[in-house]
Amino acid sequence: MLGYEDRAEEYINFFREKWDLIEERVKDIPDDERKKVYFEGADKYKTYGGADYGCGIPGIIRAAGGIDLFPEISAYYFEVDPEEVAKRDPDVIIKGTPGGYLLEDASKFKELYDEITSRAELANTTAMKNGDVYIISFDVTGGARKKFGPIFLAKILYPDKFEDLDPYAVLKEYLEEYQGLKYQGVYLYPSMS
């Protein structure tokens, strides 16, 4: 309609190439070797249901080759018992938070990281023992930006399988090439770079 068919196709392929790469590399991971992910929302001990693909967060986790911690619950956003989180023993804990593009430093993310890693009830989880706890911006996991979620999560979950995938470079190219914006902000803590 607008006469930008070539540019639209280029945009679609920009993401499709990354998603296809992820799908190809995670498809043969046996279920018992897939990482279990507890993705906490902005509220403490609130997470996302995925029985009917929920709000999209469980879909991001699945697309990245992971298993969401509460796949049987269909509520989009619900409170969980801390003991149940510990019992289900996540391999990776990710806390989503607002902010990202406009942040000048990681101090806000570090505060959240320090809070979540100090929770005694989670101390014996595989995620805590292995240091696999992350704070991630909703700028790469929420709304229309969910398209970046699998790219960031695949790298978090299976860094050895994605040594050649740089989520920050993908985001930078998107912002500069397709949005005409300067790359800036904080999107993940601790950083993968």
C-alpha atoms as a PDB file:
ATOM      1  CA  MET A   1       0.000   0.000   0.000  1.00  0.00           C
ATOM      2  CA  LEU A   2       2.827   2.419   0.835  1.00  0.00           C
ATOM      3  CA  GLY A   3       5.176   1.162  -1.848  1.00  0.00           C
ATOM      4  CA  TYR A   4       7.824  -0.132   0.553  1.00  0.00           C
ATOM      5  CA  GLU A   5       7.561  -3.832  -0.278  1.00  0.00           C
ATOM      6  CA  ASP A   6      11.335  -4.313  -0.547  1.00  0.00           C
ATOM      7  CA  ARG A   7      12.030  -2.541   2.730  1.00  0.00           C
ATOM      8  CA  ALA A   8       9.260  -4.480   4.471  1.00  0.00           C
ATOM      9  CA  GLU A   9      10.666  -7.773   3.188  1.00  0.00           C
ATOM     10  CA  GLU A  10      14.142  -6.763   4.363  1.00  0.00           C
ATOM     11  CA  TYR A  11      12.744  -5.947   7.816  1.00  0.00           C
ATOM     12  CA  ILE A  12      10.904  -9.255   8.061  1.00  0.00           C
ATOM     13  CA  ASN A  13      13.979 -11.197   6.963  1.00  0.00           C
ATOM     14  CA  PHE A  14      16.137  -9.339   9.486  1.00  0.00           C
ATOM     15  CA  PHE A  15      14.215 -11.020  12.310  1.00  0.00           C
ATOM     16  CA  ARG A  16      13.332 -14.255  10.526  1.00  0.00           C
ATOM     17  CA  GLU A  17      17.030 -15.065  10.019  1.00  0.00           C
ATOM     18  CA  LYS A  18      17.679 -14.816  13.766  1.00  0.00           C
ATOM     19  CA  TRP A  19      14.558 -16.761  14.763  1.00  0.00           C
ATOM     20  CA  ASP A  20      15.317 -19.507  12.213  1.00  0.00           C
ATOM     21  CA  LEU A  21      18.871 -19.778  13.534  1.00  0.00           C
ATOM     22  CA  ILE A  22      17.586 -20.156  17.091  1.00  0.00           C
ATOM     23  CA  GLU A  23      14.930 -22.678  16.114  1.00  0.00           C
ATOM     24  CA  GLU A  24      17.472 -24.763  14.205  1.00  0.00           C
ATOM     25  CA  ARG A  25      19.944 -24.864  17.092  1.00  0.00           C
ATOM     26  CA  VAL A  26      17.486 -25.648  19.885  1.00  0.00           C
ATOM     27  CA  LYS A  27      15.144 -28.062  18.116  1.00  0.00           C
ATOM     28  CA  ASP A  28      17.138 -31.181  19.010  1.00  0.00           C
ATOM     29  CA  ILE A  29      17.691 -30.376  22.689  1.00  0.00           C
ATOM     30  CA  PRO A  30      15.993 -33.215  24.602  1.00  0.00           C
ATOM     31  CA  ASP A  31      13.235 -32.079  26.961  1.00  0.00           C
ATOM     32  CA  ASP A  32      15.182 -33.255  29.999  1.00  0.00           C
ATOM     33  CA  GLU A  33      18.128 -31.056  28.984  1.00  0.00           C
ATOM     34  CA  ARG A  34      16.146 -27.891  28.287  1.00  0.00           C
ATOM     35  CA  LYS A  35      16.656 -25.112  30.816  1.00  0.00           C
ATOM     36  CA  LYS A  36      13.753 -24.403  33.173  1.00  0.00           C
ATOM     37  CA  VAL A  37      13.128 -20.677  33.443  1.00  0.00           C
ATOM     38  CA  TYR A  38      11.427 -18.702  36.190  1.00  0.00           C
ATOM     39  CA  PHE A  39      10.599 -15.355  34.580  1.00  0.00           C
ATOM     40  CA  GLU A  40       9.440 -12.941  37.247  1.00  0.00           C
ATOM     41  CA  GLY A  41       7.463  -9.891  36.270  1.00  0.00           C
ATOM     42  CA  ALA A  42       7.915  -6.416  37.691  1.00  0.00           C
ATOM     43  CA  ASP A  43       6.106  -7.545  40.855  1.00  0.00           C
ATOM     44  CA  LYS A  44       7.813  -9.850  43.340  1.00  0.00           C
ATOM     45  CA  TYR A  45       6.770 -13.490  42.890  1.00  0.00           C
ATOM     46  CA  LYS A  46       4.443 -12.786  40.012  1.00  0.00           C
ATOM     47  CA  THR A  47       4.981 -14.616  36.759  1.00  0.00           C
ATOM     48  CA  TYR A  48       3.301 -15.408  33.455  1.00  0.00           C
ATOM     49  CA  GLY A  49       1.134 -18.361  32.509  1.00  0.00           C
ATOM     50  CA  GLY A  50       1.614 -20.265  29.344  1.00  0.00           C
ATOM     51  CA  ALA A  51      -0.932 -23.060  29.068  1.00  0.00           C
ATOM     52  CA  ASP A  52      -2.656 -21.120  26.290  1.00  0.00           C
ATOM     53  CA  TYR A  53       0.514 -19.174  25.415  1.00  0.00           C
ATOM     54  CA  GLY A  54      -0.499 -16.531  27.915  1.00  0.00           C
ATOM     55  CA  CYS A  55       0.905 -13.056  27.550  1.00  0.00           C
ATOM     56  CA  GLY A  56       3.831 -14.034  25.340  1.00  0.00           C
ATOM     57  CA  ILE A  57       6.614 -14.450  27.888  1.00  0.00           C
ATOM     58  CA  PRO A  58       6.198 -18.247  27.977  1.00  0.00           C
ATOM     59  CA  GLY A  59       6.273 -18.212  24.175  1.00  0.00           C
ATOM     60  CA  ILE A  60       9.562 -16.309  24.247  1.00  0.00           C
ATOM     61  CA  ILE A  61      10.999 -18.884  26.644  1.00  0.00           C
ATOM     62  CA  ARG A  62       9.854 -21.762  24.421  1.00  0.00           C
ATOM     63  CA  ALA A  63      11.167 -20.090  21.271  1.00  0.00           C
ATOM     64  CA  ALA A  64      14.570 -19.803  22.966  1.00  0.00           C
ATOM     65  CA  GLY A  65      14.563 -23.515  23.771  1.00  0.00           C
ATOM     66  CA  GLY A  66      13.602 -23.215  27.421  1.00  0.00           C
ATOM     67  CA  ILE A  67      10.756 -24.493  29.547  1.00  0.00           C
ATOM     68  CA  ASP A  68       8.697 -21.989  31.507  1.00  0.00           C
ATOM     69  CA  LEU A  69       8.381 -22.931  35.167  1.00  0.00           C
ATOM     70  CA  PHE A  70       4.564 -22.936  35.270  1.00  0.00           C
ATOM     71  CA  PRO A  71       3.475 -24.271  31.850  1.00  0.00           C
ATOM     72  CA  GLU A  72       0.204 -25.687  33.166  1.00  0.00           C
ATOM     73  CA  ILE A  73      -1.200 -22.319  34.256  1.00  0.00           C
ATOM     74  CA  SER A  74      -3.055 -20.224  31.708  1.00  0.00           C
ATOM     75  CA  ALA A  75      -3.504 -17.008  33.716  1.00  0.00           C
ATOM     76  CA  TYR A  76      -1.578 -14.237  32.034  1.00  0.00           C
ATOM     77  CA  TYR A  77      -0.045 -12.878  35.225  1.00  0.00           C
ATOM     78  CA  PHE A  78      -0.333 -14.519  38.613  1.00  0.00           C
ATOM     79  CA  GLU A  79       1.278 -14.796  42.013  1.00  0.00           C
ATOM     80  CA  VAL A  80       3.369 -17.839  42.881  1.00  0.00           C
ATOM     81  CA  ASP A  81       4.448 -19.305  46.190  1.00  0.00           C
ATOM     82  CA  PRO A  82       8.210 -18.762  46.696  1.00  0.00           C
ATOM     83  CA  GLU A  83       8.503 -22.303  48.034  1.00  0.00           C
ATOM     84  CA  GLU A  84       6.918 -23.662  44.863  1.00  0.00           C
ATOM     85  CA  VAL A  85       9.434 -21.743  42.747  1.00  0.00           C
ATOM     86  CA  ALA A  86      12.246 -23.252  44.828  1.00  0.00           C
ATOM     87  CA  LYS A  87      10.689 -26.727  44.605  1.00  0.00           C
ATOM     88  CA  ARG A  88      10.479 -26.524  40.806  1.00  0.00           C
ATOM     89  CA  ASP A  89      14.182 -25.577  40.853  1.00  0.00           C
ATOM     90  CA  PRO A  90      14.691 -23.211  37.911  1.00  0.00           C
ATOM     91  CA  ASP A  91      17.956 -23.429  35.994  1.00  0.00           C
ATOM     92  CA  VAL A  92      17.690 -19.741  35.142  1.00  0.00           C
ATOM     93  CA  ILE A  93      15.908 -16.879  36.894  1.00  0.00           C
ATOM     94  CA  ILE A  94      15.051 -13.801  34.853  1.00  0.00           C
ATOM     95  CA  LYS A  95      13.317 -10.731  36.237  1.00  0.00           C
ATOM     96  CA  GLY A  96      11.665  -8.360  33.816  1.00  0.00           C
ATOM     97  CA  THR A  97      11.578  -4.662  34.530  1.00  0.00           C
ATOM     98  CA  PRO A  98      10.651  -1.385  32.854  1.00  0.00           C
ATOM     99  CA  GLY A  99      13.467   0.769  31.618  1.00  0.00           C
ATOM    100  CA  GLY A 100      16.106   0.089  29.058  1.00  0.00           C
ATOM    101  CA  TYR A 101      16.555   2.549  26.239  1.00  0.00           C
ATOM    102  CA  LEU A 102      16.563   5.650  28.436  1.00  0.00           C
ATOM    103  CA  LEU A 103      18.811   4.274  31.194  1.00  0.00           C
ATOM    104  CA  GLU A 104      22.307   5.716  31.391  1.00  0.00           C
ATOM    105  CA  ASP A 105      23.736   3.043  33.692  1.00  0.00           C
ATOM    106  CA  ALA A 106      22.881  -0.345  35.172  1.00  0.00           C
ATOM    107  CA  SER A 107      22.356   0.799  38.788  1.00  0.00           C
ATOM    108  CA  LYS A 108      18.583   0.197  38.745  1.00  0.00           C
ATOM    109  CA  PHE A 109      19.120  -3.291  37.313  1.00  0.00           C
ATOM    110  CA  LYS A 110      21.873  -4.012  39.834  1.00  0.00           C
ATOM    111  CA  GLU A 111      19.536  -3.115  42.721  1.00  0.00           C
ATOM    112  CA  LEU A 112      16.968  -5.606  41.417  1.00  0.00           C
ATOM    113  CA  TYR A 113      19.687  -8.204  40.906  1.00  0.00           C
ATOM    114  CA  ASP A 114      20.940  -7.750  44.466  1.00  0.00           C
ATOM    115  CA  GLU A 115      17.389  -8.060  45.812  1.00  0.00           C
ATOM    116  CA  ILE A 116      16.548 -11.239  43.937  1.00  0.00           C
ATOM    117  CA  THR A 117      19.906 -12.905  44.629  1.00  0.00           C
ATOM    118  CA  SER A 118      19.510 -12.196  48.353  1.00  0.00           C
ATOM    119  CA  ARG A 119      16.244 -14.130  48.645  1.00  0.00           C
ATOM    120  CA  ALA A 120      16.926 -16.959  51.087  1.00  0.00           C
ATOM    121  CA  GLU A 121      14.077 -19.048  49.701  1.00  0.00           C
ATOM    122  CA  LEU A 122      15.793 -19.238  46.298  1.00  0.00           C
ATOM    123  CA  ALA A 123      19.329 -19.810  47.597  1.00  0.00           C
ATOM    124  CA  ASN A 124      19.362 -23.534  46.852  1.00  0.00           C
ATOM    125  CA  THR A 125      17.988 -23.348  43.327  1.00  0.00           C
ATOM    126  CA  THR A 126      20.202 -24.381  40.448  1.00  0.00           C
ATOM    127  CA  ALA A 127      19.936 -20.844  39.042  1.00  0.00           C
ATOM    128  CA  MET A 128      21.319 -19.260  42.214  1.00  0.00           C
ATOM    129  CA  LYS A 129      24.044 -21.865  42.687  1.00  0.00           C
ATOM    130  CA  ASN A 130      25.250 -21.428  39.102  1.00  0.00           C
ATOM    131  CA  GLY A 131      24.889 -17.640  39.009  1.00  0.00           C
ATOM    132  CA  ASP A 132      22.254 -17.783  36.271  1.00  0.00           C
ATOM    133  CA  VAL A 133      20.146 -14.852  37.446  1.00  0.00           C
ATOM    134  CA  TYR A 134      19.421 -11.928  35.129  1.00  0.00           C
ATOM    135  CA  ILE A 135      17.488  -8.693  35.063  1.00  0.00           C
ATOM    136  CA  ILE A 136      16.074  -7.938  31.615  1.00  0.00           C
ATOM    137  CA  SER A 137      14.363  -4.879  30.219  1.00  0.00           C
ATOM    138  CA  PHE A 138      10.814  -5.057  28.968  1.00  0.00           C
ATOM    139  CA  ASP A 139      12.252  -3.014  26.075  1.00  0.00           C
ATOM    140  CA  VAL A 140      13.393  -6.377  24.668  1.00  0.00           C
ATOM    141  CA  THR A 141      10.678  -8.667  26.080  1.00  0.00           C
ATOM    142  CA  GLY A 142       7.456  -6.669  26.166  1.00  0.00           C
ATOM    143  CA  GLY A 143       4.841  -5.478  23.736  1.00  0.00           C
ATOM    144  CA  ALA A 144       5.988  -5.109  20.147  1.00  0.00           C
ATOM    145  CA  ARG A 145       9.568  -5.642  21.327  1.00  0.00           C
ATOM    146  CA  LYS A 146       8.940  -9.278  22.223  1.00  0.00           C
ATOM    147  CA  LYS A 147      10.595 -10.060  18.908  1.00  0.00           C
ATOM    148  CA  PHE A 148      13.967  -9.567  20.670  1.00  0.00           C
ATOM    149  CA  GLY A 149      13.070 -11.864  23.548  1.00  0.00           C
ATOM    150  CA  PRO A 150      14.063 -15.168  21.924  1.00  0.00           C
ATOM    151  CA  ILE A 151      17.350 -13.623  20.768  1.00  0.00           C
ATOM    152  CA  PHE A 152      18.340 -12.496  24.252  1.00  0.00           C
ATOM    153  CA  LEU A 153      17.000 -15.603  26.003  1.00  0.00           C
ATOM    154  CA  ALA A 154      18.630 -18.083  23.626  1.00  0.00           C
ATOM    155  CA  LYS A 155      21.990 -16.475  24.373  1.00  0.00           C
ATOM    156  CA  ILE A 156      21.288 -16.527  28.129  1.00  0.00           C
ATOM    157  CA  LEU A 157      20.089 -20.137  28.180  1.00  0.00           C
ATOM    158  CA  TYR A 158      22.575 -21.713  25.778  1.00  0.00           C
ATOM    159  CA  PRO A 159      25.618 -19.455  25.408  1.00  0.00           C
ATOM    160  CA  ASP A 160      27.722 -22.281  23.934  1.00  0.00           C
ATOM    161  CA  LYS A 161      25.212 -22.849  21.141  1.00  0.00           C
ATOM    162  CA  PHE A 162      25.053 -19.131  20.356  1.00  0.00           C
ATOM    163  CA  GLU A 163      28.626 -17.895  20.601  1.00  0.00           C
ATOM    164  CA  ASP A 164      28.148 -16.178  17.231  1.00  0.00           C
ATOM    165  CA  LEU A 165      24.870 -14.483  18.177  1.00  0.00           C
ATOM    166  CA  ASP A 166      25.187 -11.004  19.675  1.00  0.00           C
ATOM    167  CA  PRO A 167      21.779  -9.755  20.880  1.00  0.00           C
ATOM    168  CA  TYR A 168      23.176  -6.266  21.463  1.00  0.00           C
ATOM    169  CA  ALA A 169      24.392  -6.055  17.860  1.00  0.00           C
ATOM    170  CA  VAL A 170      20.971  -7.170  16.625  1.00  0.00           C
ATOM    171  CA  LEU A 171      19.274  -4.537  18.771  1.00  0.00           C
ATOM    172  CA  LYS A 172      21.760  -1.865  17.684  1.00  0.00           C
ATOM    173  CA  GLU A 173      21.200  -2.627  14.009  1.00  0.00           C
ATOM    174  CA  TYR A 174      17.431  -2.558  14.510  1.00  0.00           C
ATOM    175  CA  LEU A 175      17.484   0.773  16.348  1.00  0.00           C
ATOM    176  CA  GLU A 176      19.854   2.471  13.946  1.00  0.00           C
ATOM    177  CA  GLU A 177      18.799   0.909  10.633  1.00  0.00           C
ATOM    178  CA  TYR A 178      15.058   0.536  11.068  1.00  0.00           C
ATOM    179  CA  GLN A 179      14.150   3.110  13.709  1.00  0.00           C
ATOM    180  CA  GLY A 180      16.666   5.856  12.989  1.00  0.00           C
ATOM    181  CA  LEU A 181      17.634   5.956  16.662  1.00  0.00           C
ATOM    182  CA  LYS A 182      20.979   6.030  18.386  1.00  0.00           C
ATOM    183  CA  TYR A 183      21.859   2.804  20.191  1.00  0.00           C
ATOM    184  CA  GLN A 184      21.931   3.414  23.938  1.00  0.00           C
ATOM    185  CA  GLY A 185      20.517   2.078  27.179  1.00  0.00           C
ATOM    186  CA  VAL A 186      20.730  -0.960  29.443  1.00  0.00           C
ATOM    187  CA  TYR A 187      18.866  -4.118  28.500  1.00  0.00           C
ATOM    188  CA  LEU A 188      20.354  -6.923  30.582  1.00  0.00           C
ATOM    189  CA  TYR A 189      22.191  -7.286  33.864  1.00  0.00           C
ATOM    190  CA  PRO A 190      24.662  -8.772  34.232  1.00  0.00           C
ATOM    191  CA  SER A 191      25.608  -7.987  30.674  1.00  0.00           C
ATOM    192  CA  MET A 192      26.564 -10.759  28.268  1.00  0.00           C
ATOM    193  CA  SER A 193      29.370  -8.691  26.759  1.00  0.00           C
END
